[in-house]
mmCIF file of all heavy atoms, coordinates in Angstrom:
data_MODEL
# 
_entry.id   MODEL 
# 
loop_
_atom_site.group_PDB 
_atom_site.id 
_atom_site.type_symbol 
_atom_site.label_atom_id 
_atom_site.label_alt_id 
_atom_site.label_comp_id 
_atom_site.label_asym_id 
_atom_site.label_entity_id 
_atom_site.label_seq_id 
_atom_site.pdbx_PDB_ins_code 
_atom_site.Cartn_x 
_atom_site.Cartn_y 
_atom_site.Cartn_z 
_atom_site.occupancy 
_atom_site.B_iso_or_equiv 
_atom_site.pdbx_formal_charge 
_atom_site.auth_seq_id 
_atom_site.auth_comp_id 
_atom_site.auth_asym_id 
_atom_site.auth_atom_id 
_atom_site.pdbx_PDB_model_num 
ATOM 1   N N   . GLY A 1 1  ? 195.925 125.634 166.001 1.00 0.00 ? 1  GLY A N   1 
ATOM 2   C CA  . GLY A 1 1  ? 197.057 126.389 166.520 1.00 0.00 ? 1  GLY A CA  1 
ATOM 3   C C   . GLY A 1 1  ? 197.148 126.343 168.037 1.00 0.00 ? 1  GLY A C   1 
ATOM 4   O O   . GLY A 1 1  ? 196.258 125.844 168.734 1.00 0.00 ? 1  GLY A O   1 
ATOM 5   N N   . TYR A 1 2  ? 198.231 126.893 168.533 1.00 0.00 ? 2  TYR A N   1 
ATOM 6   C CA  . TYR A 1 2  ? 198.466 126.860 169.976 1.00 0.00 ? 2  TYR A CA  1 
ATOM 7   C C   . TYR A 1 2  ? 197.560 127.839 170.726 1.00 0.00 ? 2  TYR A C   1 
ATOM 8   O O   . TYR A 1 2  ? 197.169 127.564 171.868 1.00 0.00 ? 2  TYR A O   1 
ATOM 9   C CB  . TYR A 1 2  ? 199.939 127.152 170.262 1.00 0.00 ? 2  TYR A CB  1 
ATOM 10  C CG  . TYR A 1 2  ? 200.832 125.994 169.892 1.00 0.00 ? 2  TYR A CG  1 
ATOM 11  C CD1 . TYR A 1 2  ? 201.417 125.915 168.635 1.00 0.00 ? 2  TYR A CD1 1 
ATOM 12  C CD2 . TYR A 1 2  ? 201.054 124.946 170.784 1.00 0.00 ? 2  TYR A CD2 1 
ATOM 13  C CE1 . TYR A 1 2  ? 202.223 124.844 168.280 1.00 0.00 ? 2  TYR A CE1 1 
ATOM 14  C CE2 . TYR A 1 2  ? 201.854 123.878 170.446 1.00 0.00 ? 2  TYR A CE2 1 
ATOM 15  C CZ  . TYR A 1 2  ? 202.433 123.828 169.186 1.00 0.00 ? 2  TYR A CZ  1 
ATOM 16  O OH  . TYR A 1 2  ? 203.213 122.747 168.828 1.00 0.00 ? 2  TYR A OH  1 
ATOM 17  N N   . GLU A 1 3  ? 197.217 128.942 170.101 1.00 0.00 ? 3  GLU A N   1 
ATOM 18  C CA  . GLU A 1 3  ? 196.297 129.862 170.769 1.00 0.00 ? 3  GLU A CA  1 
ATOM 19  C C   . GLU A 1 3  ? 194.925 129.218 170.919 1.00 0.00 ? 3  GLU A C   1 
ATOM 20  O O   . GLU A 1 3  ? 194.291 129.302 171.982 1.00 0.00 ? 3  GLU A O   1 
ATOM 21  C CB  . GLU A 1 3  ? 196.197 131.171 169.975 1.00 0.00 ? 3  GLU A CB  1 
ATOM 22  C CG  . GLU A 1 3  ? 197.428 132.056 170.055 1.00 0.00 ? 3  GLU A CG  1 
ATOM 23  C CD  . GLU A 1 3  ? 197.698 132.524 171.479 1.00 0.00 ? 3  GLU A CD  1 
ATOM 24  O OE1 . GLU A 1 3  ? 196.721 132.700 172.246 1.00 0.00 ? 3  GLU A OE1 1 
ATOM 25  O OE2 . GLU A 1 3  ? 198.877 132.705 171.832 1.00 0.00 ? 3  GLU A OE2 1 
ATOM 26  N N   . GLY A 1 4  ? 194.455 128.595 169.857 1.00 0.00 ? 4  GLY A N   1 
ATOM 27  C CA  . GLY A 1 4  ? 193.164 127.913 169.937 1.00 0.00 ? 4  GLY A CA  1 
ATOM 28  C C   . GLY A 1 4  ? 193.200 126.770 170.927 1.00 0.00 ? 4  GLY A C   1 
ATOM 29  O O   . GLY A 1 4  ? 192.219 126.519 171.645 1.00 0.00 ? 4  GLY A O   1 
ATOM 30  N N   . MET A 1 5  ? 194.317 126.049 170.979 1.00 0.00 ? 5  MET A N   1 
ATOM 31  C CA  . MET A 1 5  ? 194.442 124.958 171.929 1.00 0.00 ? 5  MET A CA  1 
ATOM 32  C C   . MET A 1 5  ? 194.407 125.475 173.363 1.00 0.00 ? 5  MET A C   1 
ATOM 33  O O   . MET A 1 5  ? 193.762 124.876 174.240 1.00 0.00 ? 5  MET A O   1 
ATOM 34  C CB  . MET A 1 5  ? 195.739 124.190 171.664 1.00 0.00 ? 5  MET A CB  1 
ATOM 35  C CG  . MET A 1 5  ? 195.944 123.001 172.580 1.00 0.00 ? 5  MET A CG  1 
ATOM 36  S SD  . MET A 1 5  ? 197.499 122.143 172.231 1.00 0.00 ? 5  MET A SD  1 
ATOM 37  C CE  . MET A 1 5  ? 198.680 123.440 172.645 1.00 0.00 ? 5  MET A CE  1 
ATOM 38  N N   . ARG A 1 6  ? 195.104 126.589 173.623 1.00 0.00 ? 6  ARG A N   1 
ATOM 39  C CA  . ARG A 1 6  ? 195.078 127.150 174.981 1.00 0.00 ? 6  ARG A CA  1 
ATOM 40  C C   . ARG A 1 6  ? 193.662 127.596 175.364 1.00 0.00 ? 6  ARG A C   1 
ATOM 41  O O   . ARG A 1 6  ? 193.280 127.487 176.534 1.00 0.00 ? 6  ARG A O   1 
ATOM 42  C CB  . ARG A 1 6  ? 196.062 128.315 175.080 1.00 0.00 ? 6  ARG A CB  1 
ATOM 43  C CG  . ARG A 1 6  ? 197.520 127.873 175.184 1.00 0.00 ? 6  ARG A CG  1 
ATOM 44  C CD  . ARG A 1 6  ? 198.420 129.016 175.629 1.00 0.00 ? 6  ARG A CD  1 
ATOM 45  N NE  . ARG A 1 6  ? 198.567 130.019 174.573 1.00 0.00 ? 6  ARG A NE  1 
ATOM 46  C CZ  . ARG A 1 6  ? 199.561 130.025 173.698 1.00 0.00 ? 6  ARG A CZ  1 
ATOM 47  N NH1 . ARG A 1 6  ? 200.481 129.090 173.744 1.00 0.00 ? 6  ARG A NH1 1 
ATOM 48  N NH2 . ARG A 1 6  ? 199.639 130.985 172.782 1.00 0.00 ? 6  ARG A NH2 1 
ATOM 49  N N   . ARG A 1 7  ? 192.922 128.086 174.388 1.00 0.00 ? 7  ARG A N   1 
ATOM 50  C CA  . ARG A 1 7  ? 191.517 128.455 174.692 1.00 0.00 ? 7  ARG A CA  1 
ATOM 51  C C   . ARG A 1 7  ? 190.719 127.218 175.092 1.00 0.00 ? 7  ARG A C   1 
ATOM 52  O O   . ARG A 1 7  ? 189.869 127.285 176.001 1.00 0.00 ? 7  ARG A O   1 
ATOM 53  C CB  . ARG A 1 7  ? 190.885 129.145 173.484 1.00 0.00 ? 7  ARG A CB  1 
ATOM 54  C CG  . ARG A 1 7  ? 191.370 130.570 173.264 1.00 0.00 ? 7  ARG A CG  1 
ATOM 55  C CD  . ARG A 1 7  ? 190.462 131.313 172.287 1.00 0.00 ? 7  ARG A CD  1 
ATOM 56  N NE  . ARG A 1 7  ? 190.480 130.707 170.957 1.00 0.00 ? 7  ARG A NE  1 
ATOM 57  C CZ  . ARG A 1 7  ? 191.311 131.051 169.993 1.00 0.00 ? 7  ARG A CZ  1 
ATOM 58  N NH1 . ARG A 1 7  ? 192.214 132.003 170.199 1.00 0.00 ? 7  ARG A NH1 1 
ATOM 59  N NH2 . ARG A 1 7  ? 191.251 130.467 168.801 1.00 0.00 ? 7  ARG A NH2 1 
ATOM 60  N N   . LEU A 1 8  ? 190.975 126.110 174.414 1.00 0.00 ? 8  LEU A N   1 
ATOM 61  C CA  . LEU A 1 8  ? 190.291 124.867 174.782 1.00 0.00 ? 8  LEU A CA  1 
ATOM 62  C C   . LEU A 1 8  ? 190.685 124.437 176.192 1.00 0.00 ? 8  LEU A C   1 
ATOM 63  O O   . LEU A 1 8  ? 189.831 124.033 176.990 1.00 0.00 ? 8  LEU A O   1 
ATOM 64  C CB  . LEU A 1 8  ? 190.620 123.754 173.781 1.00 0.00 ? 8  LEU A CB  1 
ATOM 65  C CG  . LEU A 1 8  ? 190.034 123.881 172.375 1.00 0.00 ? 8  LEU A CG  1 
ATOM 66  C CD1 . LEU A 1 8  ? 190.444 122.670 171.529 1.00 0.00 ? 8  LEU A CD1 1 
ATOM 67  C CD2 . LEU A 1 8  ? 188.516 123.985 172.421 1.00 0.00 ? 8  LEU A CD2 1 
ATOM 68  N N   . PHE A 1 9  ? 191.982 124.536 176.518 1.00 0.00 ? 9  PHE A N   1 
ATOM 69  C CA  . PHE A 1 9  ? 192.442 124.161 177.851 1.00 0.00 ? 9  PHE A CA  1 
ATOM 70  C C   . PHE A 1 9  ? 191.801 125.063 178.915 1.00 0.00 ? 9  PHE A C   1 
ATOM 71  O O   . PHE A 1 9  ? 191.389 124.582 179.982 1.00 0.00 ? 9  PHE A O   1 
ATOM 72  C CB  . PHE A 1 9  ? 193.968 124.261 177.939 1.00 0.00 ? 9  PHE A CB  1 
ATOM 73  C CG  . PHE A 1 9  ? 194.694 123.207 177.162 1.00 0.00 ? 9  PHE A CG  1 
ATOM 74  C CD1 . PHE A 1 9  ? 196.020 123.398 176.774 1.00 0.00 ? 9  PHE A CD1 1 
ATOM 75  C CD2 . PHE A 1 9  ? 194.070 122.021 176.798 1.00 0.00 ? 9  PHE A CD2 1 
ATOM 76  C CE1 . PHE A 1 9  ? 196.702 122.433 176.064 1.00 0.00 ? 9  PHE A CE1 1 
ATOM 77  C CE2 . PHE A 1 9  ? 194.747 121.041 176.084 1.00 0.00 ? 9  PHE A CE2 1 
ATOM 78  C CZ  . PHE A 1 9  ? 196.065 121.251 175.718 1.00 0.00 ? 9  PHE A CZ  1 
ATOM 79  N N   . HIS A 1 10 ? 191.734 126.337 178.611 1.00 0.00 ? 10 HIS A N   1 
ATOM 80  C CA  . HIS A 1 10 ? 191.196 127.285 179.589 1.00 0.00 ? 10 HIS A CA  1 
ATOM 81  C C   . HIS A 1 10 ? 189.706 127.049 179.820 1.00 0.00 ? 10 HIS A C   1 
ATOM 82  O O   . HIS A 1 10 ? 189.204 127.199 180.947 1.00 0.00 ? 10 HIS A O   1 
ATOM 83  C CB  . HIS A 1 10 ? 191.440 128.719 179.108 1.00 0.00 ? 10 HIS A CB  1 
ATOM 84  C CG  . HIS A 1 10 ? 191.139 129.761 180.147 1.00 0.00 ? 10 HIS A CG  1 
ATOM 85  N ND1 . HIS A 1 10 ? 189.879 130.273 180.355 1.00 0.00 ? 10 HIS A ND1 1 
ATOM 86  C CD2 . HIS A 1 10 ? 191.954 130.374 181.059 1.00 0.00 ? 10 HIS A CD2 1 
ATOM 87  C CE1 . HIS A 1 10 ? 189.911 131.150 181.326 1.00 0.00 ? 10 HIS A CE1 1 
ATOM 88  N NE2 . HIS A 1 10 ? 191.166 131.231 181.779 1.00 0.00 ? 10 HIS A NE2 1 
ATOM 89  N N   . GLY A 1 11 ? 188.985 126.674 178.761 1.00 0.00 ? 11 GLY A N   1 
ATOM 90  C CA  . GLY A 1 11 ? 187.537 126.484 178.906 1.00 0.00 ? 11 GLY A CA  1 
ATOM 91  C C   . GLY A 1 11 ? 187.128 125.071 179.238 1.00 0.00 ? 11 GLY A C   1 
ATOM 92  O O   . GLY A 1 11 ? 185.920 124.789 179.347 1.00 0.00 ? 11 GLY A O   1 
ATOM 93  N N   . ALA A 1 12 ? 188.104 124.160 179.397 1.00 0.00 ? 12 ALA A N   1 
ATOM 94  C CA  . ALA A 1 12 ? 187.774 122.760 179.695 1.00 0.00 ? 12 ALA A CA  1 
ATOM 95  C C   . ALA A 1 12 ? 187.450 122.605 181.163 1.00 0.00 ? 12 ALA A C   1 
ATOM 96  O O   . ALA A 1 12 ? 188.333 122.649 182.022 1.00 0.00 ? 12 ALA A O   1 
ATOM 97  C CB  . ALA A 1 12 ? 188.942 121.855 179.302 1.00 0.00 ? 12 ALA A CB  1 
ATOM 98  N N   . THR A 1 13 ? 186.184 122.468 181.457 1.00 0.00 ? 13 THR A N   1 
ATOM 99  C CA  . THR A 1 13 ? 185.734 122.298 182.842 1.00 0.00 ? 13 THR A CA  1 
ATOM 100 C C   . THR A 1 13 ? 184.839 121.067 182.929 1.00 0.00 ? 13 THR A C   1 
ATOM 101 O O   . THR A 1 13 ? 184.345 120.550 181.931 1.00 0.00 ? 13 THR A O   1 
ATOM 102 C CB  . THR A 1 13 ? 184.962 123.530 183.328 1.00 0.00 ? 13 THR A CB  1 
ATOM 103 O OG1 . THR A 1 13 ? 183.833 123.753 182.460 1.00 0.00 ? 13 THR A OG1 1 
ATOM 104 C CG2 . THR A 1 13 ? 185.851 124.762 183.317 1.00 0.00 ? 13 THR A CG2 1 
ATOM 105 N N   . GLY A 1 14 ? 184.622 120.615 184.142 1.00 0.00 ? 14 GLY A N   1 
ATOM 106 C CA  . GLY A 1 14 ? 183.758 119.472 184.366 1.00 0.00 ? 14 GLY A CA  1 
ATOM 107 C C   . GLY A 1 14 ? 183.881 118.986 185.783 1.00 0.00 ? 14 GLY A C   1 
ATOM 108 O O   . GLY A 1 14 ? 184.705 119.474 186.574 1.00 0.00 ? 14 GLY A O   1 
ATOM 109 N N   . LYS A 1 15 ? 183.077 117.987 186.104 1.00 0.00 ? 15 LYS A N   1 
ATOM 110 C CA  . LYS A 1 15 ? 183.080 117.479 187.474 1.00 0.00 ? 15 LYS A CA  1 
ATOM 111 C C   . LYS A 1 15 ? 184.323 116.658 187.777 1.00 0.00 ? 15 LYS A C   1 
ATOM 112 O O   . LYS A 1 15 ? 184.684 116.464 188.942 1.00 0.00 ? 15 LYS A O   1 
ATOM 113 C CB  . LYS A 1 15 ? 181.828 116.647 187.723 1.00 0.00 ? 15 LYS A CB  1 
ATOM 114 C CG  . LYS A 1 15 ? 181.732 115.395 186.843 1.00 0.00 ? 15 LYS A CG  1 
ATOM 115 C CD  . LYS A 1 15 ? 180.472 114.611 187.132 1.00 0.00 ? 15 LYS A CD  1 
ATOM 116 C CE  . LYS A 1 15 ? 180.394 113.356 186.265 1.00 0.00 ? 15 LYS A CE  1 
ATOM 117 N NZ  . LYS A 1 15 ? 179.164 112.571 186.538 1.00 0.00 ? 15 LYS A NZ  1 
ATOM 118 N N   . ASP A 1 16 ? 184.991 116.137 186.730 1.00 0.00 ? 16 ASP A N   1 
ATOM 119 C CA  . ASP A 1 16 ? 186.212 115.360 186.946 1.00 0.00 ? 16 ASP A CA  1 
ATOM 120 C C   . ASP A 1 16 ? 187.157 115.588 185.768 1.00 0.00 ? 16 ASP A C   1 
ATOM 121 O O   . ASP A 1 16 ? 186.835 116.287 184.797 1.00 0.00 ? 16 ASP A O   1 
ATOM 122 C CB  . ASP A 1 16 ? 185.911 113.875 187.141 1.00 0.00 ? 16 ASP A CB  1 
ATOM 123 C CG  . ASP A 1 16 ? 185.072 113.296 185.999 1.00 0.00 ? 16 ASP A CG  1 
ATOM 124 O OD1 . ASP A 1 16 ? 185.157 113.823 184.865 1.00 0.00 ? 16 ASP A OD1 1 
ATOM 125 O OD2 . ASP A 1 16 ? 184.336 112.331 186.230 1.00 0.00 ? 16 ASP A OD2 1 
ATOM 126 N N   . SER A 1 17 ? 188.323 114.982 185.833 1.00 0.00 ? 17 SER A N   1 
ATOM 127 C CA  . SER A 1 17 ? 189.325 115.167 184.787 1.00 0.00 ? 17 SER A CA  1 
ATOM 128 C C   . SER A 1 17 ? 188.876 114.580 183.462 1.00 0.00 ? 17 SER A C   1 
ATOM 129 O O   . SER A 1 17 ? 189.252 115.069 182.391 1.00 0.00 ? 17 SER A O   1 
ATOM 130 C CB  . SER A 1 17 ? 190.651 114.530 185.226 1.00 0.00 ? 17 SER A CB  1 
ATOM 131 O OG  . SER A 1 17 ? 191.150 115.155 186.388 1.00 0.00 ? 17 SER A OG  1 
ATOM 132 N N   . ASN A 1 18 ? 188.117 113.513 183.526 1.00 0.00 ? 18 ASN A N   1 
ATOM 133 C CA  . ASN A 1 18 ? 187.603 112.908 182.292 1.00 0.00 ? 18 ASN A CA  1 
ATOM 134 C C   . ASN A 1 18 ? 186.750 113.909 181.522 1.00 0.00 ? 18 ASN A C   1 
ATOM 135 O O   . ASN A 1 18 ? 186.877 114.051 180.297 1.00 0.00 ? 18 ASN A O   1 
ATOM 136 C CB  . ASN A 1 18 ? 186.783 111.659 182.626 1.00 0.00 ? 18 ASN A CB  1 
ATOM 137 C CG  . ASN A 1 18 ? 186.233 110.983 181.389 1.00 0.00 ? 18 ASN A CG  1 
ATOM 138 O OD1 . ASN A 1 18 ? 186.805 111.095 180.307 1.00 0.00 ? 18 ASN A OD1 1 
ATOM 139 N ND2 . ASN A 1 18 ? 185.121 110.285 181.525 1.00 0.00 ? 18 ASN A ND2 1 
ATOM 140 N N   . ASP A 1 19 ? 185.890 114.633 182.220 1.00 0.00 ? 19 ASP A N   1 
ATOM 141 C CA  . ASP A 1 19 ? 185.057 115.643 181.562 1.00 0.00 ? 19 ASP A CA  1 
ATOM 142 C C   . ASP A 1 19 ? 185.909 116.752 180.958 1.00 0.00 ? 19 ASP A C   1 
ATOM 143 O O   . ASP A 1 19 ? 185.623 117.255 179.862 1.00 0.00 ? 19 ASP A O   1 
ATOM 144 C CB  . ASP A 1 19 ? 184.066 116.245 182.562 1.00 0.00 ? 19 ASP A CB  1 
ATOM 145 C CG  . ASP A 1 19 ? 182.988 115.252 182.961 1.00 0.00 ? 19 ASP A CG  1 
ATOM 146 O OD1 . ASP A 1 19 ? 182.811 114.250 182.238 1.00 0.00 ? 19 ASP A OD1 1 
ATOM 147 O OD2 . ASP A 1 19 ? 182.334 115.474 183.998 1.00 0.00 ? 19 ASP A OD2 1 
ATOM 148 N N   . CYS A 1 20 ? 186.967 117.145 181.660 1.00 0.00 ? 20 CYS A N   1 
ATOM 149 C CA  . CYS A 1 20 ? 187.841 118.209 181.150 1.00 0.00 ? 20 CYS A CA  1 
ATOM 150 C C   . CYS A 1 20 ? 188.536 117.772 179.856 1.00 0.00 ? 20 CYS A C   1 
ATOM 151 O O   . CYS A 1 20 ? 188.591 118.519 178.880 1.00 0.00 ? 20 CYS A O   1 
ATOM 152 C CB  . CYS A 1 20 ? 188.874 118.591 182.204 1.00 0.00 ? 20 CYS A CB  1 
ATOM 153 S SG  . CYS A 1 20 ? 188.175 119.310 183.713 1.00 0.00 ? 20 CYS A SG  1 
ATOM 154 N N   . CYS A 1 21 ? 189.075 116.554 179.855 1.00 0.00 ? 21 CYS A N   1 
ATOM 155 C CA  . CYS A 1 21 ? 189.744 116.064 178.648 1.00 0.00 ? 21 CYS A CA  1 
ATOM 156 C C   . CYS A 1 21 ? 188.749 115.870 177.511 1.00 0.00 ? 21 CYS A C   1 
ATOM 157 O O   . CYS A 1 21 ? 189.055 116.172 176.349 1.00 0.00 ? 21 CYS A O   1 
ATOM 158 C CB  . CYS A 1 21 ? 190.461 114.747 178.958 1.00 0.00 ? 21 CYS A CB  1 
ATOM 159 S SG  . CYS A 1 21 ? 191.871 114.907 180.080 1.00 0.00 ? 21 CYS A SG  1 
ATOM 160 N N   . GLN A 1 22 ? 187.561 115.392 177.853 1.00 0.00 ? 22 GLN A N   1 
ATOM 161 C CA  . GLN A 1 22 ? 186.540 115.210 176.821 1.00 0.00 ? 22 GLN A CA  1 
ATOM 162 C C   . GLN A 1 22 ? 186.143 116.548 176.198 1.00 0.00 ? 22 GLN A C   1 
ATOM 163 O O   . GLN A 1 22 ? 185.857 116.628 175.000 1.00 0.00 ? 22 GLN A O   1 
ATOM 164 C CB  . GLN A 1 22 ? 185.316 114.512 177.408 1.00 0.00 ? 22 GLN A CB  1 
ATOM 165 C CG  . GLN A 1 22 ? 184.230 114.179 176.384 1.00 0.00 ? 22 GLN A CG  1 
ATOM 166 C CD  . GLN A 1 22 ? 184.727 113.227 175.320 1.00 0.00 ? 22 GLN A CD  1 
ATOM 167 O OE1 . GLN A 1 22 ? 185.350 112.210 175.608 1.00 0.00 ? 22 GLN A OE1 1 
ATOM 168 N NE2 . GLN A 1 22 ? 184.462 113.559 174.065 1.00 0.00 ? 22 GLN A NE2 1 
ATOM 169 N N   . ALA A 1 23 ? 186.126 117.589 177.000 1.00 0.00 ? 23 ALA A N   1 
ATOM 170 C CA  . ALA A 1 23 ? 185.798 118.917 176.479 1.00 0.00 ? 23 ALA A CA  1 
ATOM 171 C C   . ALA A 1 23 ? 186.824 119.372 175.448 1.00 0.00 ? 23 ALA A C   1 
ATOM 172 O O   . ALA A 1 23 ? 186.482 120.033 174.457 1.00 0.00 ? 23 ALA A O   1 
ATOM 173 C CB  . ALA A 1 23 ? 185.720 119.924 177.631 1.00 0.00 ? 23 ALA A CB  1 
ATOM 174 N N   . VAL A 1 24 ? 188.096 119.005 175.653 1.00 0.00 ? 24 VAL A N   1 
ATOM 175 C CA  . VAL A 1 24 ? 189.130 119.359 174.675 1.00 0.00 ? 24 VAL A CA  1 
ATOM 176 C C   . VAL A 1 24 ? 188.900 118.618 173.366 1.00 0.00 ? 24 VAL A C   1 
ATOM 177 O O   . VAL A 1 24 ? 188.951 119.202 172.280 1.00 0.00 ? 24 VAL A O   1 
ATOM 178 C CB  . VAL A 1 24 ? 190.527 119.031 175.246 1.00 0.00 ? 24 VAL A CB  1 
ATOM 179 C CG1 . VAL A 1 24 ? 191.601 119.240 174.174 1.00 0.00 ? 24 VAL A CG1 1 
ATOM 180 C CG2 . VAL A 1 24 ? 190.817 119.894 176.462 1.00 0.00 ? 24 VAL A CG2 1 
ATOM 181 N N   . PHE A 1 25 ? 188.615 117.312 173.456 1.00 0.00 ? 25 PHE A N   1 
ATOM 182 C CA  . PHE A 1 25 ? 188.366 116.534 172.241 1.00 0.00 ? 25 PHE A CA  1 
ATOM 183 C C   . PHE A 1 25 ? 187.111 117.023 171.526 1.00 0.00 ? 25 PHE A C   1 
ATOM 184 O O   . PHE A 1 25 ? 187.086 117.099 170.293 1.00 0.00 ? 25 PHE A O   1 
ATOM 185 C CB  . PHE A 1 25 ? 188.247 115.054 172.587 1.00 0.00 ? 25 PHE A CB  1 
ATOM 186 C CG  . PHE A 1 25 ? 189.531 114.424 173.028 1.00 0.00 ? 25 PHE A CG  1 
ATOM 187 C CD1 . PHE A 1 25 ? 189.624 113.768 174.244 1.00 0.00 ? 25 PHE A CD1 1 
ATOM 188 C CD2 . PHE A 1 25 ? 190.666 114.498 172.238 1.00 0.00 ? 25 PHE A CD2 1 
ATOM 189 C CE1 . PHE A 1 25 ? 190.802 113.190 174.652 1.00 0.00 ? 25 PHE A CE1 1 
ATOM 190 C CE2 . PHE A 1 25 ? 191.865 113.928 172.639 1.00 0.00 ? 25 PHE A CE2 1 
ATOM 191 C CZ  . PHE A 1 25 ? 191.928 113.270 173.848 1.00 0.00 ? 25 PHE A CZ  1 
# 
């Protein structure tokens, strides 16, 4: 769902954008 997806976006952190996107996957 969209709420769960937003939680993933909010918690996606890392040293670069690749790490952030990988955290979502």
